[in-house]
Amino acid sequence: MSTNEFSGQESGDSPNERRAEWERFSMTVVGGDGAGYVNVRNDSHEDPGEHIYSVHVANGRADDCSCPHAAHRGAHCKHQRAVEQRPLILSSADAAGAQTPRVAADGGEVIGE
């Protein structure tokens, strides 16, 4: 087994890692303000709409989450692990954060942004 860089534990040992593997998540990649985000909805809950959190992605890593576990404990949560376990989602969010803002040819604002 490999060592988890976030907890120092072997992969698969952390409750967050196990939950990220077996809980059902729906993910939507969004960008904005120079950052890539993934909105993660936990479909394993009875009311999934009450369990939607935003995971921030930068430099190929899910580095922050809006969930209480990450916000209050500063912990690497199951939502971050779930995003990292899905390479296509992770790379898409990373790319969304890397996009540069568009500038109109005449120096004005781009409409709709």
PDB file of N, CA and C in Angstrom:
ATOM      1  N   MET A   1       0.838  -1.197   0.000  1.00  0.00           N
ATOM      2  CA  MET A   1       0.000   0.000   0.000  1.00  0.00           C
ATOM      3  C   MET A   1       0.870   1.243   0.000  1.00  0.00           C
ATOM      4  N   SER A   2       0.362   2.308  -0.558  1.00  0.00           N
ATOM      5  CA  SER A   2       1.107   3.560  -0.577  1.00  0.00           C
ATOM      6  C   SER A   2       0.695   4.417   0.614  1.00  0.00           C
ATOM      7  N   THR A   3       1.530   5.380   0.935  1.00  0.00           N
ATOM      8  CA  THR A   3       1.245   6.276   2.053  1.00  0.00           C
ATOM      9  C   THR A   3       0.437   7.459   1.566  1.00  0.00           C
ATOM     10  N   ASN A   4      -0.596   7.810   2.298  1.00  0.00           N
ATOM     11  CA  ASN A   4      -1.440   8.946   1.974  1.00  0.00           C
ATOM     12  C   ASN A   4      -0.700  10.216   2.368  1.00  0.00           C
ATOM     13  N   GLU A   5      -0.437  11.094   1.382  1.00  0.00           N
ATOM     14  CA  GLU A   5       0.328  12.309   1.647  1.00  0.00           C
ATOM     15  C   GLU A   5      -0.379  13.281   2.575  1.00  0.00           C
ATOM     16  N   PHE A   6      -1.707  13.159   2.728  1.00  0.00           N
ATOM     17  CA  PHE A   6      -2.453  14.111   3.528  1.00  0.00           C
ATOM     18  C   PHE A   6      -2.528  13.704   4.992  1.00  0.00           C
ATOM     19  N   SER A   7      -2.600  12.396   5.262  1.00  0.00           N
ATOM     20  CA  SER A   7      -2.749  11.959   6.643  1.00  0.00           C
ATOM     21  C   SER A   7      -1.550  11.189   7.161  1.00  0.00           C
ATOM     22  N   GLY A   8      -0.660  10.747   6.259  1.00  0.00           N
ATOM     23  CA  GLY A   8       0.465   9.937   6.663  1.00  0.00           C
ATOM     24  C   GLY A   8       0.078   8.487   6.864  1.00  0.00           C
ATOM     25  N   GLN A   9      -1.211   8.156   6.691  1.00  0.00           N
ATOM     26  CA  GLN A   9      -1.675   6.790   6.844  1.00  0.00           C
ATOM     27  C   GLN A   9      -1.571   6.061   5.518  1.00  0.00           C
ATOM     28  N   GLU A  10      -1.586   4.729   5.592  1.00  0.00           N
ATOM     29  CA  GLU A  10      -1.576   3.980   4.345  1.00  0.00           C
ATOM     30  C   GLU A  10      -2.922   4.140   3.657  1.00  0.00           C
ATOM     31  N   SER A  11      -2.899   4.148   2.318  1.00  0.00           N
ATOM     32  CA  SER A  11      -4.122   4.312   1.541  1.00  0.00           C
ATOM     33  C   SER A  11      -5.147   3.271   1.952  1.00  0.00           C
ATOM     34  N   GLY A  12      -6.380   3.680   2.055  1.00  0.00           N
ATOM     35  CA  GLY A  12      -7.453   2.781   2.420  1.00  0.00           C
ATOM     36  C   GLY A  12      -7.687   2.708   3.922  1.00  0.00           C
ATOM     37  N   ASP A  13      -6.783   3.248   4.729  1.00  0.00           N
ATOM     38  CA  ASP A  13      -6.916   3.190   6.181  1.00  0.00           C
ATOM     39  C   ASP A  13      -7.806   4.289   6.730  1.00  0.00           C
ATOM     40  N   SER A  14      -7.850   5.420   6.076  1.00  0.00           N
ATOM     41  CA  SER A  14      -8.588   6.576   6.559  1.00  0.00           C
ATOM     42  C   SER A  14     -10.091   6.401   6.332  1.00  0.00           C
ATOM     43  N   PRO A  15     -10.914   6.750   7.334  1.00  0.00           N
ATOM     44  CA  PRO A  15     -12.365   6.694   7.135  1.00  0.00           C
ATOM     45  C   PRO A  15     -12.822   7.563   5.958  1.00  0.00           C
ATOM     46  N   ASN A  16     -12.180   8.722   5.767  1.00  0.00           N
ATOM     47  CA  ASN A  16     -12.558   9.587   4.651  1.00  0.00           C
ATOM     48  C   ASN A  16     -12.272   8.926   3.312  1.00  0.00           C
ATOM     49  N   GLU A  17     -11.164   8.204   3.218  1.00  0.00           N
ATOM     50  CA  GLU A  17     -10.839   7.508   1.978  1.00  0.00           C
ATOM     51  C   GLU A  17     -11.850   6.407   1.702  1.00  0.00           C
ATOM     52  N   ARG A  18     -12.190   5.642   2.717  1.00  0.00           N
ATOM     53  CA  ARG A  18     -13.163   4.559   2.523  1.00  0.00           C
ATOM     54  C   ARG A  18     -14.527   5.121   2.138  1.00  0.00           C
ATOM     55  N   ARG A  19     -14.968   6.180   2.826  1.00  0.00           N
ATOM     56  CA  ARG A  19     -16.277   6.773   2.521  1.00  0.00           C
ATOM     57  C   ARG A  19     -16.286   7.383   1.124  1.00  0.00           C
ATOM     58  N   ALA A  20     -15.170   7.971   0.706  1.00  0.00           N
ATOM     59  CA  ALA A  20     -15.086   8.556  -0.637  1.00  0.00           C
ATOM     60  C   ALA A  20     -15.213   7.487  -1.704  1.00  0.00           C
ATOM     61  N   GLU A  21     -14.856   6.261  -1.370  1.00  0.00           N
ATOM     62  CA  GLU A  21     -14.944   5.164  -2.331  1.00  0.00           C
ATOM     63  C   GLU A  21     -16.344   4.560  -2.405  1.00  0.00           C
ATOM     64  N   TRP A  22     -17.062   4.448  -1.299  1.00  0.00           N
ATOM     65  CA  TRP A  22     -18.340   3.750  -1.338  1.00  0.00           C
ATOM     66  C   TRP A  22     -19.569   4.635  -1.325  1.00  0.00           C
ATOM     67  N   GLU A  23     -19.456   5.883  -0.916  1.00  0.00           N
ATOM     68  CA  GLU A  23     -20.618   6.769  -0.985  1.00  0.00           C
ATOM     69  C   GLU A  23     -20.803   7.240  -2.430  1.00  0.00           C
ATOM     70  N   ARG A  24     -22.059   7.502  -2.798  1.00  0.00           N
ATOM     71  CA  ARG A  24     -22.361   7.961  -4.159  1.00  0.00           C
ATOM     72  C   ARG A  24     -22.309   9.483  -4.208  1.00  0.00           C
ATOM     73  N   PHE A  25     -21.541  10.006  -5.151  1.00  0.00           N
ATOM     74  CA  PHE A  25     -21.398  11.453  -5.317  1.00  0.00           C
ATOM     75  C   PHE A  25     -21.737  11.848  -6.744  1.00  0.00           C
ATOM     76  N   SER A  26     -22.396  13.004  -6.893  1.00  0.00           N
ATOM     77  CA  SER A  26     -22.573  13.649  -8.194  1.00  0.00           C
ATOM     78  C   SER A  26     -21.682  14.875  -8.181  1.00  0.00           C
ATOM     79  N   MET A  27     -20.992  15.125  -9.301  1.00  0.00           N
ATOM     80  CA  MET A  27     -20.045  16.233  -9.333  1.00  0.00           C
ATOM     81  C   MET A  27     -20.265  17.108 -10.552  1.00  0.00           C
ATOM     82  N   THR A  28     -20.124  18.422 -10.341  1.00  0.00           N
ATOM     83  CA  THR A  28     -20.224  19.397 -11.411  1.00  0.00           C
ATOM     84  C   THR A  28     -19.011  20.312 -11.334  1.00  0.00           C
ATOM     85  N   VAL A  29     -18.258  20.395 -12.425  1.00  0.00           N
ATOM     86  CA  VAL A  29     -17.076  21.251 -12.472  1.00  0.00           C
ATOM     87  C   VAL A  29     -17.512  22.666 -12.836  1.00  0.00           C
ATOM     88  N   VAL A  30     -17.058  23.639 -12.064  1.00  0.00           N
ATOM     89  CA  VAL A  30     -17.338  25.048 -12.332  1.00  0.00           C
ATOM     90  C   VAL A  30     -16.051  25.843 -12.187  1.00  0.00           C
ATOM     91  N   GLY A  31     -15.967  26.941 -12.889  1.00  0.00           N
ATOM     92  CA  GLY A  31     -14.790  27.807 -12.786  1.00  0.00           C
ATOM     93  C   GLY A  31     -15.245  29.210 -12.443  1.00  0.00           C
ATOM     94  N   GLY A  32     -14.316  30.035 -12.149  1.00  0.00           N
ATOM     95  CA  GLY A  32     -14.642  31.422 -11.871  1.00  0.00           C
ATOM     96  C   GLY A  32     -13.618  32.053 -10.964  1.00  0.00           C
ATOM     97  N   ASP A  33     -13.402  33.324 -11.133  1.00  0.00           N
ATOM     98  CA  ASP A  33     -12.467  34.084 -10.307  1.00  0.00           C
ATOM     99  C   ASP A  33     -11.084  33.439 -10.252  1.00  0.00           C
ATOM    100  N   GLY A  34     -10.659  32.874 -11.384  1.00  0.00           N
ATOM    101  CA  GLY A  34      -9.333  32.279 -11.442  1.00  0.00           C
ATOM    102  C   GLY A  34      -9.181  30.996 -10.668  1.00  0.00           C
ATOM    103  N   ALA A  35     -10.285  30.343 -10.330  1.00  0.00           N
ATOM    104  CA  ALA A  35     -10.207  29.108  -9.559  1.00  0.00           C
ATOM    105  C   ALA A  35     -11.110  28.044 -10.156  1.00  0.00           C
ATOM    106  N   GLY A  36     -10.728  26.803  -9.983  1.00  0.00           N
ATOM    107  CA  GLY A  36     -11.560  25.687 -10.402  1.00  0.00           C
ATOM    108  C   GLY A  36     -12.241  25.079  -9.190  1.00  0.00           C
ATOM    109  N   TYR A  37     -13.502  24.827  -9.316  1.00  0.00           N
ATOM    110  CA  TYR A  37     -14.269  24.240  -8.231  1.00  0.00           C
ATOM    111  C   TYR A  37     -15.046  23.047  -8.746  1.00  0.00           C
ATOM    112  N   VAL A  38     -15.342  22.130  -7.841  1.00  0.00           N
ATOM    113  CA  VAL A  38     -16.224  21.016  -8.132  1.00  0.00           C
ATOM    114  C   VAL A  38     -17.320  21.052  -7.082  1.00  0.00           C
ATOM    115  N   ASN A  39     -18.564  21.179  -7.527  1.00  0.00           N
ATOM    116  CA  ASN A  39     -19.684  21.068  -6.599  1.00  0.00           C
ATOM    117  C   ASN A  39     -19.970  19.584  -6.433  1.00  0.00           C
ATOM    118  N   VAL A  40     -19.888  19.119  -5.195  1.00  0.00           N
ATOM    119  CA  VAL A  40     -20.036  17.704  -4.881  1.00  0.00           C
ATOM    120  C   VAL A  40     -21.320  17.508  -4.087  1.00  0.00           C
ATOM    121  N   ARG A  41     -22.217  16.681  -4.626  1.00  0.00           N
ATOM    122  CA  ARG A  41     -23.469  16.347  -3.933  1.00  0.00           C
ATOM    123  C   ARG A  41     -23.389  14.902  -3.477  1.00  0.00           C
ATOM    124  N   ASN A  42     -23.653  14.667  -2.204  1.00  0.00           N
ATOM    125  CA  ASN A  42     -23.609  13.312  -1.663  1.00  0.00           C
ATOM    126  C   ASN A  42     -24.972  12.663  -1.854  1.00  0.00           C
ATOM    127  N   ASP A  43     -25.081  11.825  -2.867  1.00  0.00           N
ATOM    128  CA  ASP A  43     -26.346  11.163  -3.189  1.00  0.00           C
ATOM    129  C   ASP A  43     -26.662  10.007  -2.253  1.00  0.00           C
ATOM    130  N   SER A  44     -25.758   9.682  -1.333  1.00  0.00           N
ATOM    131  CA  SER A  44     -26.008   8.617  -0.362  1.00  0.00           C
ATOM    132  C   SER A  44     -26.925   9.078   0.768  1.00  0.00           C
ATOM    133  N   HIS A  45     -27.064  10.386   0.935  1.00  0.00           N
ATOM    134  CA  HIS A  45     -27.928  10.912   1.997  1.00  0.00           C
ATOM    135  C   HIS A  45     -29.387  10.859   1.592  1.00  0.00           C
ATOM    136  N   GLU A  46     -30.250  10.833   2.593  1.00  0.00           N
ATOM    137  CA  GLU A  46     -31.685  10.811   2.365  1.00  0.00           C
ATOM    138  C   GLU A  46     -32.140  12.073   1.618  1.00  0.00           C
ATOM    139  N   ASP A  47     -31.514  13.220   1.936  1.00  0.00           N
ATOM    140  CA  ASP A  47     -31.820  14.484   1.275  1.00  0.00           C
ATOM    141  C   ASP A  47     -30.526  15.042   0.662  1.00  0.00           C
ATOM    142  N   PRO A  48     -30.144  14.559  -0.541  1.00  0.00           N
ATOM    143  CA  PRO A  48     -28.872  14.968  -1.152  1.00  0.00           C
ATOM    144  C   PRO A  48     -28.736  16.470  -1.354  1.00  0.00           C
ATOM    145  N   GLY A  49     -29.844  17.180  -1.564  1.00  0.00           N
ATOM    146  CA  GLY A  49     -29.805  18.621  -1.783  1.00  0.00           C
ATOM    147  C   GLY A  49     -29.278  19.397  -0.584  1.00  0.00           C
ATOM    148  N   GLU A  50     -29.318  18.780   0.586  1.00  0.00           N
ATOM    149  CA  GLU A  50     -28.800  19.408   1.804  1.00  0.00           C
ATOM    150  C   GLU A  50     -27.326  19.079   2.022  1.00  0.00           C
ATOM    151  N   HIS A  51     -26.738  18.316   1.101  1.00  0.00           N
ATOM    152  CA  HIS A  51     -25.350  17.876   1.258  1.00  0.00           C
ATOM    153  C   HIS A  51     -24.567  18.146  -0.019  1.00  0.00           C
ATOM    154  N   ILE A  52     -24.508  19.429  -0.395  1.00  0.00           N
ATOM    155  CA  ILE A  52     -23.741  19.873  -1.558  1.00  0.00           C
ATOM    156  C   ILE A  52     -22.646  20.812  -1.063  1.00  0.00           C
ATOM    157  N   TYR A  53     -21.406  20.489  -1.418  1.00  0.00           N
ATOM    158  CA  TYR A  53     -20.266  21.286  -0.974  1.00  0.00           C
ATOM    159  C   TYR A  53     -19.372  21.602  -2.158  1.00  0.00           C
ATOM    160  N   SER A  54     -18.629  22.696  -2.074  1.00  0.00           N
ATOM    161  CA  SER A  54     -17.713  23.113  -3.133  1.00  0.00           C
ATOM    162  C   SER A  54     -16.286  22.757  -2.749  1.00  0.00           C
ATOM    163  N   VAL A  55     -15.631  22.024  -3.645  1.00  0.00           N
ATOM    164  CA  VAL A  55     -14.237  21.629  -3.450  1.00  0.00           C
ATOM    165  C   VAL A  55     -13.385  22.490  -4.376  1.00  0.00           C
ATOM    166  N   HIS A  56     -12.393  23.140  -3.827  1.00  0.00           N
ATOM    167  CA  HIS A  56     -11.476  23.966  -4.605  1.00  0.00           C
ATOM    168  C   HIS A  56     -10.343  23.092  -5.115  1.00  0.00           C
ATOM    169  N   VAL A  57     -10.000  23.264  -6.406  1.00  0.00           N
ATOM    170  CA  VAL A  57      -8.924  22.494  -7.023  1.00  0.00           C
ATOM    171  C   VAL A  57      -7.885  23.454  -7.578  1.00  0.00           C
ATOM    172  N   ALA A  58      -6.631  23.198  -7.267  1.00  0.00           N
ATOM    173  CA  ALA A  58      -5.524  23.987  -7.801  1.00  0.00           C
ATOM    174  C   ALA A  58      -4.289  23.099  -7.884  1.00  0.00           C
ATOM    175  N   ASN A  59      -3.549  23.246  -8.963  1.00  0.00           N
ATOM    176  CA  ASN A  59      -2.302  22.504  -9.150  1.00  0.00           C
ATOM    177  C   ASN A  59      -2.484  20.997  -9.013  1.00  0.00           C
ATOM    178  N   GLY A  60      -3.595  20.484  -9.558  1.00  0.00           N
ATOM    179  CA  GLY A  60      -3.829  19.046  -9.562  1.00  0.00           C
ATOM    180  C   GLY A  60      -4.180  18.442  -8.217  1.00  0.00           C
ATOM    181  N   ARG A  61      -4.661  19.288  -7.304  1.00  0.00           N
ATOM    182  CA  ARG A  61      -4.979  18.808  -5.956  1.00  0.00           C
ATOM    183  C   ARG A  61      -6.244  19.485  -5.444  1.00  0.00           C
ATOM    184  N   ALA A  62      -7.092  18.715  -4.790  1.00  0.00           N
ATOM    185  CA  ALA A  62      -8.265  19.279  -4.121  1.00  0.00           C
ATOM    186  C   ALA A  62      -7.776  19.835  -2.787  1.00  0.00           C
ATOM    187  N   ASP A  63      -7.668  21.164  -2.705  1.00  0.00           N
ATOM    188  CA  ASP A  63      -7.003  21.745  -1.535  1.00  0.00           C
ATOM    189  C   ASP A  63      -7.919  22.396  -0.508  1.00  0.00           C
ATOM    190  N   ASP A  64      -9.236  22.419  -0.774  1.00  0.00           N
ATOM    191  CA  ASP A  64     -10.148  23.012   0.205  1.00  0.00           C
ATOM    192  C   ASP A  64     -11.566  22.548  -0.092  1.00  0.00           C
ATOM    193  N   CYS A  65     -12.414  22.583   0.929  1.00  0.00           N
ATOM    194  CA  CYS A  65     -13.822  22.200   0.770  1.00  0.00           C
ATOM    195  C   CYS A  65     -14.661  23.056   1.706  1.00  0.00           C
ATOM    196  N   SER A  66     -15.905  23.296   1.313  1.00  0.00           N
ATOM    197  CA  SER A  66     -16.800  24.121   2.124  1.00  0.00           C
ATOM    198  C   SER A  66     -17.554  23.317   3.185  1.00  0.00           C
ATOM    199  N   CYS A  67     -17.326  22.006   3.273  1.00  0.00           N
ATOM    200  CA  CYS A  67     -18.048  21.184   4.257  1.00  0.00           C
ATOM    201  C   CYS A  67     -17.581  21.503   5.677  1.00  0.00           C
ATOM    202  N   PRO A  68     -18.402  21.205   6.675  1.00  0.00           N
ATOM    203  CA  PRO A  68     -18.025  21.487   8.067  1.00  0.00           C
ATOM    204  C   PRO A  68     -16.744  20.774   8.504  1.00  0.00           C
ATOM    205  N   HIS A  69     -16.528  19.553   8.050  1.00  0.00           N
ATOM    206  CA  HIS A  69     -15.337  18.798   8.453  1.00  0.00           C
ATOM    207  C   HIS A  69     -14.065  19.536   8.024  1.00  0.00           C
ATOM    208  N   ALA A  70     -14.040  20.002   6.791  1.00  0.00           N
ATOM    209  CA  ALA A  70     -12.865  20.725   6.294  1.00  0.00           C
ATOM    210  C   ALA A  70     -12.786  22.130   6.892  1.00  0.00           C
ATOM    211  N   ALA A  71     -13.930  22.807   6.988  1.00  0.00           N
ATOM    212  CA  ALA A  71     -13.940  24.193   7.465  1.00  0.00           C
ATOM    213  C   ALA A  71     -13.564  24.321   8.936  1.00  0.00           C
ATOM    214  N   HIS A  72     -14.093  23.449   9.777  1.00  0.00           N
ATOM    215  CA  HIS A  72     -13.876  23.591  11.217  1.00  0.00           C
ATOM    216  C   HIS A  72     -12.657  22.839  11.732  1.00  0.00           C
ATOM    217  N   ARG A  73     -12.268  21.781  11.025  1.00  0.00           N
ATOM    218  CA  ARG A  73     -11.130  20.980  11.487  1.00  0.00           C
ATOM    219  C   ARG A  73      -9.889  21.169  10.629  1.00  0.00           C
ATOM    220  N   GLY A  74     -10.062  21.828   9.484  1.00  0.00           N
ATOM    221  CA  GLY A  74      -8.940  21.985   8.573  1.00  0.00           C
ATOM    222  C   GLY A  74      -8.474  20.649   8.019  1.00  0.00           C
ATOM    223  N   ALA A  75      -9.376  19.680   7.969  1.00  0.00           N
ATOM    224  CA  ALA A  75      -9.041  18.322   7.544  1.00  0.00           C
ATOM    225  C   ALA A  75      -9.252  18.128   6.051  1.00  0.00           C
ATOM    226  N   HIS A  76      -8.548  17.183   5.494  1.00  0.00           N
ATOM    227  CA  HIS A  76      -8.755  16.761   4.113  1.00  0.00           C
ATOM    228  C   HIS A  76      -9.947  15.814   4.151  1.00  0.00           C
ATOM    229  N   CYS A  77     -11.089  16.256   3.615  1.00  0.00           N
ATOM    230  CA  CYS A  77     -12.353  15.550   3.810  1.00  0.00           C
ATOM    231  C   CYS A  77     -12.653  14.525   2.712  1.00  0.00           C
ATOM    232  N   LYS A  78     -13.765  13.798   2.904  1.00  0.00           N
ATOM    233  CA  LYS A  78     -14.176  12.778   1.945  1.00  0.00           C
ATOM    234  C   LYS A  78     -14.540  13.389   0.595  1.00  0.00           C
ATOM    235  N   HIS A  79     -15.019  14.629   0.578  1.00  0.00           N
ATOM    236  CA  HIS A  79     -15.372  15.273  -0.694  1.00  0.00           C
ATOM    237  C   HIS A  79     -14.114  15.544  -1.508  1.00  0.00           C
ATOM    238  N   GLN A  80     -13.058  16.004  -0.843  1.00  0.00           N
ATOM    239  CA  GLN A  80     -11.783  16.231  -1.516  1.00  0.00           C
ATOM    240  C   GLN A  80     -11.219  14.908  -2.029  1.00  0.00           C
ATOM    241  N   ARG A  81     -11.271  13.873  -1.208  1.00  0.00           N
ATOM    242  CA  ARG A  81     -10.777  12.552  -1.623  1.00  0.00           C
ATOM    243  C   ARG A  81     -11.580  12.034  -2.810  1.00  0.00           C
ATOM    244  N   ALA A  82     -12.899  12.218  -2.785  1.00  0.00           N
ATOM    245  CA  ALA A  82     -13.738  11.735  -3.885  1.00  0.00           C
ATOM    246  C   ALA A  82     -13.360  12.420  -5.198  1.00  0.00           C
ATOM    247  N   VAL A  83     -13.093  13.726  -5.152  1.00  0.00           N
ATOM    248  CA  VAL A  83     -12.671  14.456  -6.352  1.00  0.00           C
ATOM    249  C   VAL A  83     -11.319  13.925  -6.826  1.00  0.00           C
ATOM    250  N   GLU A  84     -10.398  13.727  -5.907  1.00  0.00           N
ATOM    251  CA  GLU A  84      -9.060  13.249  -6.277  1.00  0.00           C
ATOM    252  C   GLU A  84      -9.080  11.824  -6.817  1.00  0.00           C
ATOM    253  N   GLN A  85     -10.081  11.050  -6.459  1.00  0.00           N
ATOM    254  CA  GLN A  85     -10.199   9.680  -6.949  1.00  0.00           C
ATOM    255  C   GLN A  85     -10.787   9.618  -8.355  1.00  0.00           C
ATOM    256  N   ARG A  86     -11.173  10.769  -8.893  1.00  0.00           N
ATOM    257  CA  ARG A  86     -11.739  10.839 -10.241  1.00  0.00           C
ATOM    258  C   ARG A  86     -10.857  11.757 -11.089  1.00  0.00           C
ATOM    259  N   PRO A  87      -9.849  11.187 -11.746  1.00  0.00           N
ATOM    260  CA  PRO A  87      -8.860  11.993 -12.480  1.00  0.00           C
ATOM    261  C   PRO A  87      -9.458  12.937 -13.520  1.00  0.00           C
ATOM    262  N   LEU A  88     -10.521  12.534 -14.211  1.00  0.00           N
ATOM    263  CA  LEU A  88     -11.129  13.404 -15.219  1.00  0.00           C
ATOM    264  C   LEU A  88     -11.749  14.640 -14.564  1.00  0.00           C
ATOM    265  N   ILE A  89     -12.430  14.455 -13.457  1.00  0.00           N
ATOM    266  CA  ILE A  89     -13.019  15.579 -12.719  1.00  0.00           C
ATOM    267  C   ILE A  89     -11.911  16.495 -12.204  1.00  0.00           C
ATOM    268  N   LEU A  90     -10.891  15.897 -11.610  1.00  0.00           N
ATOM    269  CA  LEU A  90      -9.781  16.672 -11.049  1.00  0.00           C
ATOM    270  C   LEU A  90      -9.086  17.504 -12.116  1.00  0.00           C
ATOM    271  N   SER A  91      -8.767  16.897 -13.251  1.00  0.00           N
ATOM    272  CA  SER A  91      -8.068  17.636 -14.308  1.00  0.00           C
ATOM    273  C   SER A  91      -8.970  18.684 -14.952  1.00  0.00           C
ATOM    274  N   SER A  92     -10.267  18.406 -15.052  1.00  0.00           N
ATOM    275  CA  SER A  92     -11.204  19.386 -15.617  1.00  0.00           C
ATOM    276  C   SER A  92     -11.318  20.612 -14.721  1.00  0.00           C
ATOM    277  N   ALA A  93     -11.404  20.389 -13.427  1.00  0.00           N
ATOM    278  CA  ALA A  93     -11.494  21.511 -12.486  1.00  0.00           C
ATOM    279  C   ALA A  93     -10.190  22.299 -12.470  1.00  0.00           C
ATOM    280  N   ASP A  94      -9.077  21.595 -12.553  1.00  0.00           N
ATOM    281  CA  ASP A  94      -7.781  22.263 -12.587  1.00  0.00           C
ATOM    282  C   ASP A  94      -7.681  23.143 -13.833  1.00  0.00           C
ATOM    283  N   ALA A  95      -8.136  22.623 -14.967  1.00  0.00           N
ATOM    284  CA  ALA A  95      -8.115  23.397 -16.216  1.00  0.00           C
ATOM    285  C   ALA A  95      -9.067  24.588 -16.141  1.00  0.00           C
ATOM    286  N   ALA A  96     -10.230  24.416 -15.511  1.00  0.00           N
ATOM    287  CA  ALA A  96     -11.192  25.520 -15.375  1.00  0.00           C
ATOM    288  C   ALA A  96     -10.589  26.651 -14.559  1.00  0.00           C
ATOM    289  N   GLY A  97      -9.768  26.313 -13.592  1.00  0.00           N
ATOM    290  CA  GLY A  97      -9.120  27.333 -12.772  1.00  0.00           C
ATOM    291  C   GLY A  97      -7.978  28.016 -13.480  1.00  0.00           C
ATOM    292  N   ALA A  98      -7.400  27.350 -14.469  1.00  0.00           N
ATOM    293  CA  ALA A  98      -6.240  27.898 -15.171  1.00  0.00           C
ATOM    294  C   ALA A  98      -6.621  28.820 -16.321  1.00  0.00           C
ATOM    295  N   GLN A  99      -7.895  28.857 -16.680  1.00  0.00           N
ATOM    296  CA  GLN A  99      -8.316  29.697 -17.790  1.00  0.00           C
ATOM    297  C   GLN A  99      -8.144  31.164 -17.446  1.00  0.00           C
ATOM    298  N   THR A 100      -7.672  31.904 -18.411  1.00  0.00           N
ATOM    299  CA  THR A 100      -7.496  33.336 -18.210  1.00  0.00           C
ATOM    300  C   THR A 100      -8.763  34.073 -18.616  1.00  0.00           C
ATOM    301  N   PRO A 101      -9.059  35.188 -17.982  1.00  0.00           N
ATOM    302  CA  PRO A 101     -10.251  35.952 -18.341  1.00  0.00           C
ATOM    303  C   PRO A 101     -10.166  36.467 -19.774  1.00  0.00           C
ATOM    304  N   ARG A 102     -11.327  36.549 -20.416  1.00  0.00           N
ATOM    305  CA  ARG A 102     -11.371  37.062 -21.778  1.00  0.00           C
ATOM    306  C   ARG A 102     -11.470  38.581 -21.760  1.00  0.00           C
ATOM    307  N   VAL A 103     -10.787  39.205 -22.711  1.00  0.00           N
ATOM    308  CA  VAL A 103     -10.822  40.655 -22.846  1.00  0.00           C
ATOM    309  C   VAL A 103     -11.347  40.984 -24.241  1.00  0.00           C
ATOM    310  N   ALA A 104     -12.256  41.924 -24.319  1.00  0.00           N
ATOM    311  CA  ALA A 104     -12.807  42.324 -25.604  1.00  0.00           C
ATOM    312  C   ALA A 104     -11.728  42.991 -26.442  1.00  0.00           C
ATOM    313  N   ALA A 105     -11.804  42.823 -27.758  1.00  0.00           N
ATOM    314  CA  ALA A 105     -10.812  43.368 -28.668  1.00  0.00           C
ATOM    315  C   ALA A 105     -10.692  44.893 -28.551  1.00  0.00           C
ATOM    316  N   ASP A 106     -11.795  45.577 -28.210  1.00  0.00           N
ATOM    317  CA  ASP A 106     -11.752  47.027 -28.108  1.00  0.00           C
ATOM    318  C   ASP A 106     -11.366  47.501 -26.707  1.00  0.00           C
ATOM    319  N   GLY A 107     -10.971  46.552 -25.849  1.00  0.00           N
ATOM    320  CA  GLY A 107     -10.570  46.902 -24.498  1.00  0.00           C
ATOM    321  C   GLY A 107     -11.719  47.005 -23.525  1.00  0.00           C
ATOM    322  N   GLY A 108     -12.938  46.838 -24.035  1.00  0.00           N
ATOM    323  CA  GLY A 108     -14.119  46.922 -23.165  1.00  0.00           C
ATOM    324  C   GLY A 108     -14.406  45.599 -22.488  1.00  0.00           C
ATOM    325  N   GLU A 109     -15.565  45.551 -21.851  1.00  0.00           N
ATOM    326  CA  GLU A 109     -15.973  44.348 -21.144  1.00  0.00           C
ATOM    327  C   GLU A 109     -16.543  43.327 -22.102  1.00  0.00           C
ATOM    328  N   VAL A 110     -16.369  42.062 -21.759  1.00  0.00           N
ATOM    329  CA  VAL A 110     -17.007  40.986 -22.509  1.00  0.00           C
ATOM    330  C   VAL A 110     -18.394  40.819 -21.919  1.00  0.00           C
ATOM    331  N   ILE A 111     -19.410  40.928 -22.737  1.00  0.00           N
ATOM    332  CA  ILE A 111     -20.798  40.859 -22.285  1.00  0.00           C
ATOM    333  C   ILE A 111     -21.111  39.444 -21.797  1.00  0.00           C
ATOM    334  N   GLY A 112     -21.836  39.375 -20.690  1.00  0.00           N
ATOM    335  CA  GLY A 112     -22.249  38.094 -20.149  1.00  0.00           C
ATOM    336  C   GLY A 112     -21.253  37.487 -19.190  1.00  0.00           C
ATOM    337  N   GLU A 113     -20.204  38.198 -18.831  1.00  0.00           N
ATOM    338  CA  GLU A 113     -19.233  37.677 -17.868  1.00  0.00           C
ATOM    339  C   GLU A 113     -19.085  38.615 -16.700  1.00  0.00           C
TER     340      GLU A 113
END
